[in-house]
Amino acid sequence: MDSQSVKGAETVSKATRGYDANKHINGRKRNLLVDQDGLLVDLLVTPADVQDRDAARVLLTRLHAEHPEIVLVWADNGYGGEEFATWAQDTLGITVKVVSRPRDAKGFVLLPKRWVVERSNSWTMRARRNSRDYERLMSHAEAHIQWAFITLMTRRLTRRNRRNETVPASPTAAA
């Protein structure tokens, strides 16, 4: 589980945008919940000033309703805090494990569990339309993210089928 703040274009109304003080971005925030392969499980677009834990309450409630078998979620420091972890465990039966950056680390550090969702965020940005939020409605912004993941999944399915196919021998080669 992770979030990504993106700048809002002038078409984004003031009522649906906010200012993310940590990243100095005026726009919207995309909150992603992905599986272990990095494919989208759920998504919530909010104004950028909404705290990660507040959006996560909505996402985890939806996750519990749709997939009660999922009981462990990996998240970054934005979802830390004893109160949030206790709420998720007591209310939904979901354990939220925070993957922290090592204290003595300098520069870029690959964090295996967090890298899955970070990679998913970058996949959405490959669709050029998602580099900035241009949509008037947040539901339309969510649809564009879902569209990017549908494209990703269809490409993966197509690639797997191509690898498994055998090349038929040409009729002239056998003669």
N, C-alpha and C. Protein backbone atom coordinates (compact mmCIF):
# COMPACT_ATOMS: atom_id res chain seq x y z
N MET A 1 0.86 -1.16 0.00
CA MET A 1 0.00 0.00 0.00
C MET A 1 0.90 1.23 0.00
N ASP A 2 0.59 2.16 -0.87
CA ASP A 2 1.38 3.39 -0.95
C ASP A 2 0.55 4.47 -1.61
N SER A 3 1.03 5.70 -1.53
CA SER A 3 0.35 6.81 -2.18
C SER A 3 1.34 7.58 -3.03
N GLN A 4 0.79 8.30 -4.00
CA GLN A 4 1.60 9.10 -4.91
C GLN A 4 0.87 10.40 -5.15
N SER A 5 1.52 11.51 -4.91
CA SER A 5 0.92 12.81 -5.17
C SER A 5 1.30 13.26 -6.57
N VAL A 6 0.31 13.77 -7.30
CA VAL A 6 0.56 14.27 -8.65
C VAL A 6 -0.04 15.67 -8.78
N LYS A 7 0.61 16.48 -9.60
CA LYS A 7 0.13 17.84 -9.82
C LYS A 7 -1.20 17.81 -10.55
N GLY A 8 -2.05 18.73 -10.18
CA GLY A 8 -3.33 18.85 -10.85
C GLY A 8 -3.26 19.94 -11.89
N ALA A 9 -3.80 19.67 -13.07
CA ALA A 9 -3.87 20.68 -14.13
C ALA A 9 -4.93 21.71 -13.77
N GLU A 10 -5.04 22.73 -14.61
CA GLU A 10 -6.02 23.79 -14.33
C GLU A 10 -7.45 23.29 -14.45
N THR A 11 -7.65 22.13 -15.07
CA THR A 11 -9.00 21.57 -15.20
C THR A 11 -9.49 20.92 -13.90
N VAL A 12 -8.59 20.66 -12.96
CA VAL A 12 -8.95 20.05 -11.68
C VAL A 12 -9.52 21.13 -10.78
N SER A 13 -10.74 20.92 -10.30
CA SER A 13 -11.39 21.96 -9.49
C SER A 13 -10.71 22.10 -8.12
N LYS A 14 -10.85 23.27 -7.55
CA LYS A 14 -10.25 23.55 -6.24
C LYS A 14 -10.87 22.68 -5.15
N ALA A 15 -12.11 22.26 -5.34
CA ALA A 15 -12.79 21.43 -4.34
C ALA A 15 -12.20 20.02 -4.27
N THR A 16 -11.58 19.55 -5.34
CA THR A 16 -11.05 18.19 -5.36
C THR A 16 -9.53 18.15 -5.39
N ARG A 17 -8.88 19.24 -5.12
CA ARG A 17 -7.43 19.25 -5.05
C ARG A 17 -7.00 19.72 -3.67
N GLY A 18 -5.76 19.45 -3.33
CA GLY A 18 -5.22 19.87 -2.05
C GLY A 18 -3.71 20.04 -2.17
N TYR A 19 -3.10 20.48 -1.09
CA TYR A 19 -1.65 20.72 -1.10
C TYR A 19 -0.97 19.70 -0.21
N ASP A 20 -0.09 18.89 -0.79
CA ASP A 20 0.71 17.92 -0.04
C ASP A 20 1.96 18.65 0.42
N ALA A 21 2.01 18.98 1.71
CA ALA A 21 3.13 19.77 2.24
C ALA A 21 4.45 19.00 2.22
N ASN A 22 4.41 17.67 2.34
CA ASN A 22 5.65 16.89 2.33
C ASN A 22 6.34 16.93 0.97
N LYS A 23 5.54 16.87 -0.10
CA LYS A 23 6.12 16.81 -1.45
C LYS A 23 5.97 18.12 -2.21
N HIS A 24 5.36 19.12 -1.57
CA HIS A 24 5.17 20.44 -2.17
C HIS A 24 4.42 20.34 -3.50
N ILE A 25 3.32 19.61 -3.49
CA ILE A 25 2.54 19.40 -4.70
C ILE A 25 1.10 19.82 -4.45
N ASN A 26 0.56 20.62 -5.37
CA ASN A 26 -0.83 21.02 -5.34
C ASN A 26 -1.57 20.18 -6.36
N GLY A 27 -2.39 19.25 -5.89
CA GLY A 27 -3.10 18.37 -6.81
C GLY A 27 -3.86 17.29 -6.08
N ARG A 28 -3.71 16.07 -6.57
CA ARG A 28 -4.41 14.93 -5.99
C ARG A 28 -3.43 13.86 -5.58
N LYS A 29 -3.93 12.95 -4.76
CA LYS A 29 -3.11 11.83 -4.28
C LYS A 29 -3.77 10.54 -4.73
N ARG A 30 -2.94 9.65 -5.28
CA ARG A 30 -3.39 8.32 -5.70
C ARG A 30 -2.95 7.32 -4.66
N ASN A 31 -3.89 6.65 -4.05
CA ASN A 31 -3.59 5.64 -3.03
C ASN A 31 -3.79 4.27 -3.66
N LEU A 32 -2.70 3.51 -3.78
CA LEU A 32 -2.75 2.21 -4.43
C LEU A 32 -2.62 1.08 -3.42
N LEU A 33 -3.36 0.04 -3.69
CA LEU A 33 -3.25 -1.21 -2.94
C LEU A 33 -3.01 -2.28 -4.00
N VAL A 34 -1.84 -2.92 -3.97
CA VAL A 34 -1.46 -3.88 -5.01
C VAL A 34 -1.17 -5.23 -4.38
N ASP A 35 -1.19 -6.28 -5.24
CA ASP A 35 -0.85 -7.62 -4.76
C ASP A 35 0.67 -7.81 -4.82
N GLN A 36 1.14 -9.00 -4.52
CA GLN A 36 2.57 -9.25 -4.46
C GLN A 36 3.26 -9.18 -5.82
N ASP A 37 2.47 -9.23 -6.90
CA ASP A 37 3.03 -9.09 -8.24
C ASP A 37 2.98 -7.65 -8.73
N GLY A 38 2.42 -6.76 -7.92
CA GLY A 38 2.34 -5.36 -8.29
C GLY A 38 1.11 -5.01 -9.09
N LEU A 39 0.13 -5.91 -9.18
CA LEU A 39 -1.09 -5.63 -9.92
C LEU A 39 -2.14 -5.02 -8.99
N LEU A 40 -2.93 -4.15 -9.54
CA LEU A 40 -3.89 -3.36 -8.76
C LEU A 40 -4.95 -4.22 -8.10
N VAL A 41 -5.13 -4.01 -6.80
CA VAL A 41 -6.22 -4.63 -6.06
C VAL A 41 -7.30 -3.59 -5.82
N ASP A 42 -6.91 -2.40 -5.37
CA ASP A 42 -7.86 -1.32 -5.16
C ASP A 42 -7.14 0.01 -5.27
N LEU A 43 -7.93 1.07 -5.46
CA LEU A 43 -7.40 2.39 -5.74
C LEU A 43 -8.34 3.43 -5.19
N LEU A 44 -7.77 4.51 -4.67
CA LEU A 44 -8.58 5.63 -4.19
C LEU A 44 -7.86 6.92 -4.53
N VAL A 45 -8.52 7.82 -5.23
CA VAL A 45 -7.96 9.14 -5.55
C VAL A 45 -8.60 10.14 -4.61
N THR A 46 -7.76 10.94 -3.95
CA THR A 46 -8.21 11.93 -2.97
C THR A 46 -7.50 13.26 -3.24
N PRO A 47 -7.97 14.35 -2.65
CA PRO A 47 -7.16 15.57 -2.68
C PRO A 47 -5.80 15.29 -2.01
N ALA A 48 -4.77 15.98 -2.44
CA ALA A 48 -3.42 15.68 -1.96
C ALA A 48 -3.22 15.96 -0.47
N ASP A 49 -4.09 16.75 0.14
CA ASP A 49 -3.92 17.05 1.56
C ASP A 49 -4.51 16.00 2.50
N VAL A 50 -5.13 14.96 1.96
CA VAL A 50 -5.67 13.87 2.78
C VAL A 50 -4.50 13.00 3.25
N GLN A 51 -4.47 12.73 4.55
CA GLN A 51 -3.40 11.91 5.12
C GLN A 51 -3.49 10.47 4.61
N ASP A 52 -2.34 9.83 4.48
CA ASP A 52 -2.29 8.45 3.99
C ASP A 52 -3.14 7.50 4.85
N ARG A 53 -3.07 7.66 6.16
CA ARG A 53 -3.81 6.76 7.05
C ARG A 53 -5.32 6.92 6.89
N ASP A 54 -5.79 8.12 6.61
CA ASP A 54 -7.22 8.34 6.42
C ASP A 54 -7.71 7.65 5.15
N ALA A 55 -6.94 7.78 4.08
CA ALA A 55 -7.31 7.09 2.83
C ALA A 55 -7.18 5.57 3.00
N ALA A 56 -6.19 5.14 3.78
CA ALA A 56 -5.98 3.71 4.00
C ALA A 56 -7.14 3.08 4.75
N ARG A 57 -7.79 3.81 5.62
CA ARG A 57 -8.96 3.27 6.31
C ARG A 57 -10.05 2.89 5.31
N VAL A 58 -10.25 3.74 4.30
CA VAL A 58 -11.25 3.44 3.27
C VAL A 58 -10.79 2.24 2.44
N LEU A 59 -9.53 2.25 2.01
CA LEU A 59 -9.00 1.16 1.20
C LEU A 59 -9.04 -0.18 1.92
N LEU A 60 -8.62 -0.19 3.18
CA LEU A 60 -8.60 -1.45 3.93
C LEU A 60 -10.00 -1.95 4.23
N THR A 61 -10.94 -1.05 4.44
CA THR A 61 -12.33 -1.47 4.66
C THR A 61 -12.88 -2.13 3.39
N ARG A 62 -12.59 -1.53 2.23
CA ARG A 62 -13.01 -2.13 0.97
C ARG A 62 -12.32 -3.48 0.75
N LEU A 63 -11.03 -3.53 1.07
CA LEU A 63 -10.26 -4.76 0.89
C LEU A 63 -10.86 -5.88 1.74
N HIS A 64 -11.18 -5.58 2.97
CA HIS A 64 -11.74 -6.58 3.86
C HIS A 64 -13.10 -7.07 3.36
N ALA A 65 -13.90 -6.17 2.80
CA ALA A 65 -15.22 -6.56 2.29
C ALA A 65 -15.11 -7.43 1.04
N GLU A 66 -14.15 -7.11 0.16
CA GLU A 66 -14.02 -7.84 -1.10
C GLU A 66 -13.12 -9.07 -0.99
N HIS A 67 -12.11 -9.01 -0.14
CA HIS A 67 -11.14 -10.11 0.00
C HIS A 67 -10.85 -10.37 1.48
N PRO A 68 -11.78 -10.99 2.19
CA PRO A 68 -11.56 -11.22 3.63
C PRO A 68 -10.40 -12.17 3.92
N GLU A 69 -9.93 -12.89 2.90
CA GLU A 69 -8.82 -13.82 3.11
C GLU A 69 -7.47 -13.11 3.24
N ILE A 70 -7.38 -11.85 2.83
CA ILE A 70 -6.13 -11.09 2.95
C ILE A 70 -6.03 -10.54 4.36
N VAL A 71 -4.97 -10.92 5.06
CA VAL A 71 -4.82 -10.53 6.46
C VAL A 71 -3.51 -9.79 6.73
N LEU A 72 -2.68 -9.57 5.70
CA LEU A 72 -1.40 -8.87 5.89
C LEU A 72 -1.20 -7.86 4.78
N VAL A 73 -0.86 -6.64 5.17
CA VAL A 73 -0.60 -5.56 4.22
C VAL A 73 0.72 -4.91 4.59
N TRP A 74 1.60 -4.75 3.59
CA TRP A 74 2.87 -4.06 3.78
C TRP A 74 2.69 -2.60 3.40
N ALA A 75 3.26 -1.70 4.17
CA ALA A 75 3.09 -0.28 3.92
C ALA A 75 4.36 0.48 4.28
N ASP A 76 4.42 1.76 3.88
CA ASP A 76 5.57 2.58 4.23
C ASP A 76 5.29 3.37 5.51
N ASN A 77 6.22 4.24 5.87
CA ASN A 77 6.12 4.96 7.14
C ASN A 77 4.90 5.87 7.24
N GLY A 78 4.34 6.28 6.12
CA GLY A 78 3.15 7.13 6.14
C GLY A 78 1.95 6.46 6.78
N TYR A 79 1.97 5.14 6.84
CA TYR A 79 0.87 4.39 7.43
C TYR A 79 1.21 3.88 8.82
N GLY A 80 2.32 4.35 9.36
CA GLY A 80 2.74 3.92 10.68
C GLY A 80 1.87 4.54 11.76
N GLY A 81 2.13 4.14 12.95
CA GLY A 81 1.35 4.65 14.06
C GLY A 81 0.58 3.53 14.73
N GLU A 82 0.70 3.49 16.02
CA GLU A 82 0.07 2.41 16.79
C GLU A 82 -1.45 2.43 16.67
N GLU A 83 -2.03 3.63 16.66
CA GLU A 83 -3.50 3.73 16.60
C GLU A 83 -4.05 3.13 15.30
N PHE A 84 -3.40 3.43 14.17
CA PHE A 84 -3.87 2.91 12.88
C PHE A 84 -3.69 1.40 12.82
N ALA A 85 -2.55 0.90 13.23
CA ALA A 85 -2.29 -0.54 13.19
C ALA A 85 -3.27 -1.29 14.10
N THR A 86 -3.55 -0.73 15.27
CA THR A 86 -4.50 -1.34 16.20
C THR A 86 -5.90 -1.33 15.61
N TRP A 87 -6.30 -0.22 14.98
CA TRP A 87 -7.62 -0.15 14.35
C TRP A 87 -7.75 -1.22 13.27
N ALA A 88 -6.75 -1.35 12.41
CA ALA A 88 -6.81 -2.33 11.32
C ALA A 88 -6.89 -3.76 11.86
N GLN A 89 -6.12 -4.04 12.90
CA GLN A 89 -6.12 -5.39 13.46
C GLN A 89 -7.43 -5.71 14.19
N ASP A 90 -7.88 -4.78 15.02
CA ASP A 90 -9.09 -5.04 15.82
C ASP A 90 -10.37 -4.99 15.00
N THR A 91 -10.46 -4.04 14.09
CA THR A 91 -11.70 -3.85 13.32
C THR A 91 -11.80 -4.80 12.13
N LEU A 92 -10.69 -4.95 11.40
CA LEU A 92 -10.74 -5.70 10.16
C LEU A 92 -9.99 -7.03 10.19
N GLY A 93 -9.17 -7.22 11.20
CA GLY A 93 -8.35 -8.43 11.26
C GLY A 93 -7.20 -8.41 10.28
N ILE A 94 -6.77 -7.21 9.87
CA ILE A 94 -5.65 -7.05 8.93
C ILE A 94 -4.44 -6.51 9.68
N THR A 95 -3.32 -7.20 9.54
CA THR A 95 -2.08 -6.75 10.15
C THR A 95 -1.37 -5.83 9.16
N VAL A 96 -1.05 -4.63 9.61
CA VAL A 96 -0.32 -3.67 8.79
C VAL A 96 1.12 -3.67 9.25
N LYS A 97 2.03 -4.11 8.38
CA LYS A 97 3.46 -4.12 8.69
C LYS A 97 4.12 -2.97 7.96
N VAL A 98 4.79 -2.12 8.71
CA VAL A 98 5.46 -0.97 8.14
C VAL A 98 6.89 -1.36 7.78
N VAL A 99 7.26 -1.13 6.53
CA VAL A 99 8.62 -1.40 6.05
C VAL A 99 9.38 -0.09 6.14
N SER A 100 10.29 -0.01 7.10
CA SER A 100 11.04 1.22 7.32
C SER A 100 12.38 1.18 6.61
N ARG A 101 12.84 2.34 6.28
CA ARG A 101 14.17 2.50 5.70
C ARG A 101 15.20 2.32 6.82
N PRO A 102 16.31 1.62 6.55
CA PRO A 102 17.34 1.46 7.59
C PRO A 102 17.87 2.83 8.05
N ARG A 103 18.08 2.97 9.34
CA ARG A 103 18.51 4.26 9.90
C ARG A 103 19.87 4.72 9.38
N ASP A 104 20.79 3.78 9.17
CA ASP A 104 22.13 4.15 8.74
C ASP A 104 22.28 4.25 7.22
N ALA A 105 21.19 4.11 6.48
CA ALA A 105 21.24 4.12 5.02
C ALA A 105 21.43 5.54 4.49
N LYS A 106 22.22 5.63 3.44
CA LYS A 106 22.42 6.91 2.75
C LYS A 106 22.14 6.69 1.27
N GLY A 107 21.40 7.61 0.68
CA GLY A 107 21.08 7.47 -0.73
C GLY A 107 19.95 6.47 -0.96
N PHE A 108 19.91 5.92 -2.18
CA PHE A 108 18.85 4.99 -2.55
C PHE A 108 19.07 3.63 -1.90
N VAL A 109 18.01 3.09 -1.31
CA VAL A 109 18.05 1.75 -0.72
C VAL A 109 16.84 0.99 -1.24
N LEU A 110 17.08 -0.18 -1.79
CA LEU A 110 15.99 -1.02 -2.29
C LEU A 110 15.35 -1.75 -1.11
N LEU A 111 14.07 -1.49 -0.87
CA LEU A 111 13.33 -2.15 0.19
C LEU A 111 12.38 -3.14 -0.48
N PRO A 112 12.65 -4.45 -0.39
CA PRO A 112 11.94 -5.45 -1.19
C PRO A 112 10.42 -5.38 -1.13
N LYS A 113 9.82 -5.29 0.00
CA LYS A 113 8.35 -5.29 0.08
C LYS A 113 7.76 -3.99 -0.45
N ARG A 114 8.43 -2.88 -0.19
CA ARG A 114 7.92 -1.59 -0.66
C ARG A 114 8.17 -1.39 -2.14
N TRP A 115 9.20 -2.03 -2.67
CA TRP A 115 9.53 -1.82 -4.06
C TRP A 115 8.40 -2.28 -4.98
N VAL A 116 7.63 -3.25 -4.57
CA VAL A 116 6.53 -3.76 -5.40
C VAL A 116 5.54 -2.65 -5.71
N VAL A 117 5.11 -1.92 -4.71
CA VAL A 117 4.12 -0.86 -4.94
C VAL A 117 4.76 0.37 -5.58
N GLU A 118 6.02 0.65 -5.29
CA GLU A 118 6.71 1.77 -5.93
C GLU A 118 6.83 1.51 -7.42
N ARG A 119 7.12 0.28 -7.78
CA ARG A 119 7.21 -0.12 -9.19
C ARG A 119 5.84 0.03 -9.86
N SER A 120 4.78 -0.30 -9.13
CA SER A 120 3.43 -0.15 -9.67
C SER A 120 3.11 1.32 -9.94
N ASN A 121 3.54 2.19 -9.04
CA ASN A 121 3.36 3.63 -9.27
C ASN A 121 4.06 4.06 -10.56
N SER A 122 5.25 3.55 -10.79
CA SER A 122 5.97 3.94 -12.00
C SER A 122 5.30 3.37 -13.24
N TRP A 123 4.68 2.20 -13.15
CA TRP A 123 3.97 1.63 -14.29
C TRP A 123 2.80 2.53 -14.69
N THR A 124 2.12 3.11 -13.70
CA THR A 124 1.01 3.99 -14.05
C THR A 124 1.51 5.24 -14.77
N MET A 125 2.71 5.67 -14.44
CA MET A 125 3.27 6.87 -15.06
C MET A 125 3.72 6.62 -16.49
N ARG A 126 3.86 5.36 -16.90
CA ARG A 126 4.22 5.05 -18.29
C ARG A 126 3.11 5.47 -19.24
N ALA A 127 1.88 5.47 -18.75
CA ALA A 127 0.78 6.01 -19.54
C ALA A 127 0.88 7.53 -19.41
N ARG A 128 1.24 8.18 -20.48
CA ARG A 128 1.58 9.60 -20.45
C ARG A 128 0.49 10.46 -19.84
N ARG A 129 -0.75 10.07 -20.00
CA ARG A 129 -1.87 10.85 -19.48
C ARG A 129 -1.84 10.91 -17.96
N ASN A 130 -1.18 9.94 -17.31
CA ASN A 130 -1.15 9.88 -15.85
C ASN A 130 0.00 10.66 -15.24
N SER A 131 0.83 11.32 -16.06
CA SER A 131 1.95 12.08 -15.50
C SER A 131 1.47 13.28 -14.69
N ARG A 132 0.27 13.72 -14.97
CA ARG A 132 -0.36 14.82 -14.26
C ARG A 132 -1.85 14.50 -14.23
N ASP A 133 -2.56 15.05 -13.28
CA ASP A 133 -4.00 14.78 -13.19
C ASP A 133 -4.75 15.86 -13.96
N TYR A 134 -5.40 15.47 -15.04
CA TYR A 134 -6.14 16.40 -15.89
C TYR A 134 -7.65 16.29 -15.70
N GLU A 135 -8.09 15.32 -14.95
CA GLU A 135 -9.52 14.99 -14.90
C GLU A 135 -10.30 15.90 -13.97
N ARG A 136 -11.50 16.24 -14.38
CA ARG A 136 -12.37 17.06 -13.54
C ARG A 136 -12.90 16.27 -12.34
N LEU A 137 -13.24 15.00 -12.57
CA LEU A 137 -13.79 14.16 -11.52
C LEU A 137 -12.75 13.16 -11.03
N MET A 138 -12.77 12.89 -9.73
CA MET A 138 -11.82 11.92 -9.18
C MET A 138 -12.11 10.52 -9.69
N SER A 139 -13.38 10.21 -9.98
CA SER A 139 -13.71 8.89 -10.52
C SER A 139 -13.09 8.70 -11.91
N HIS A 140 -12.98 9.78 -12.68
CA HIS A 140 -12.33 9.68 -13.99
C HIS A 140 -10.82 9.46 -13.82
N ALA A 141 -10.24 10.10 -12.82
CA ALA A 141 -8.82 9.90 -12.55
C ALA A 141 -8.56 8.44 -12.15
N GLU A 142 -9.45 7.88 -11.35
CA GLU A 142 -9.33 6.46 -10.98
C GLU A 142 -9.45 5.57 -12.20
N ALA A 143 -10.35 5.91 -13.11
CA ALA A 143 -10.53 5.12 -14.32
C ALA A 143 -9.27 5.10 -15.18
N HIS A 144 -8.55 6.22 -15.25
CA HIS A 144 -7.31 6.26 -16.03
C HIS A 144 -6.23 5.37 -15.41
N ILE A 145 -6.17 5.32 -14.09
CA ILE A 145 -5.21 4.44 -13.43
C ILE A 145 -5.59 2.98 -13.69
N GLN A 146 -6.87 2.67 -13.57
CA GLN A 146 -7.32 1.30 -13.85
C GLN A 146 -7.03 0.92 -15.30
N TRP A 147 -7.20 1.85 -16.19
CA TRP A 147 -6.92 1.61 -17.60
C TRP A 147 -5.44 1.28 -17.81
N ALA A 148 -4.56 1.99 -17.11
CA ALA A 148 -3.13 1.70 -17.22
C ALA A 148 -2.82 0.29 -16.72
N PHE A 149 -3.47 -0.14 -15.65
CA PHE A 149 -3.22 -1.49 -15.14
C PHE A 149 -3.83 -2.56 -16.04
N ILE A 150 -4.96 -2.26 -16.67
CA ILE A 150 -5.54 -3.21 -17.61
C ILE A 150 -4.60 -3.40 -18.79
N THR A 151 -4.03 -2.31 -19.26
CA THR A 151 -3.05 -2.40 -20.36
C THR A 151 -1.86 -3.24 -19.94
N LEU A 152 -1.37 -3.02 -18.74
CA LEU A 152 -0.23 -3.79 -18.23
C LEU A 152 -0.56 -5.28 -18.16
N MET A 153 -1.73 -5.61 -17.63
CA MET A 153 -2.11 -7.02 -17.51
C MET A 153 -2.29 -7.68 -18.87
N THR A 154 -2.88 -6.99 -19.83
CA THR A 154 -3.06 -7.60 -21.15
C THR A 154 -1.72 -7.81 -21.83
N ARG A 155 -0.79 -6.89 -21.64
CA ARG A 155 0.55 -7.09 -22.21
C ARG A 155 1.24 -8.29 -21.58
N ARG A 156 1.08 -8.45 -20.30
CA ARG A 156 1.68 -9.61 -19.63
C ARG A 156 1.07 -10.91 -20.14
N LEU A 157 -0.25 -10.94 -20.28
CA LEU A 157 -0.91 -12.14 -20.76
C LEU A 157 -0.48 -12.47 -22.18
N THR A 158 -0.36 -11.48 -23.01
CA THR A 158 0.04 -11.69 -24.39
C THR A 158 1.48 -12.20 -24.46
N ARG A 159 2.36 -11.63 -23.65
CA ARG A 159 3.76 -12.03 -23.64
C ARG A 159 3.90 -13.47 -23.19
N ARG A 160 3.16 -13.90 -22.20
CA ARG A 160 3.24 -15.27 -21.71
C ARG A 160 2.80 -16.26 -22.79
N ASN A 161 1.73 -15.91 -23.51
CA ASN A 161 1.25 -16.79 -24.56
C ASN A 161 2.26 -16.92 -25.69
N ARG A 162 2.95 -15.83 -26.02
CA ARG A 162 3.94 -15.90 -27.08
C ARG A 162 5.10 -16.81 -26.69
N ARG A 163 5.50 -16.80 -25.44
CA ARG A 163 6.60 -17.64 -24.99
C ARG A 163 6.24 -19.11 -25.03
N ASN A 164 4.99 -19.44 -24.76
CA ASN A 164 4.57 -20.83 -24.69
C ASN A 164 4.26 -21.43 -26.06
N GLU A 165 4.06 -20.58 -27.05
CA GLU A 165 3.74 -21.10 -28.37
C GLU A 165 4.99 -21.69 -29.03
N THR A 166 4.80 -22.75 -29.78
CA THR A 166 5.90 -23.31 -30.54
C THR A 166 5.79 -22.82 -31.97
N VAL A 167 6.91 -22.63 -32.59
CA VAL A 167 6.92 -22.15 -33.97
C VAL A 167 6.70 -23.35 -34.88
N PRO A 168 5.65 -23.30 -35.69
CA PRO A 168 5.40 -24.44 -36.57
C PRO A 168 6.47 -24.51 -37.66
N ALA A 169 6.80 -25.73 -38.03
CA ALA A 169 7.80 -25.91 -39.10
C ALA A 169 7.19 -25.51 -40.41
N SER A 170 7.97 -24.88 -41.25
CA SER A 170 7.45 -24.48 -42.55
C SER A 170 7.30 -25.70 -43.46
N PRO A 171 6.28 -25.72 -44.29
CA PRO A 171 6.04 -26.91 -45.14
C PRO A 171 7.19 -27.16 -46.11
N THR A 172 7.90 -26.14 -46.53
CA THR A 172 8.99 -26.35 -47.48
C THR A 172 10.22 -26.93 -46.82
N ALA A 173 10.39 -26.71 -45.53
CA ALA A 173 11.57 -27.23 -44.84
C ALA A 173 11.49 -28.73 -44.68
N ALA A 174 10.28 -29.29 -44.59
CA ALA A 174 10.13 -30.74 -44.42
C ALA A 174 10.34 -31.48 -45.72
N ALA A 175 10.14 -30.84 -46.86
CA ALA A 175 10.24 -31.52 -48.16
C ALA A 175 11.61 -31.68 -48.63
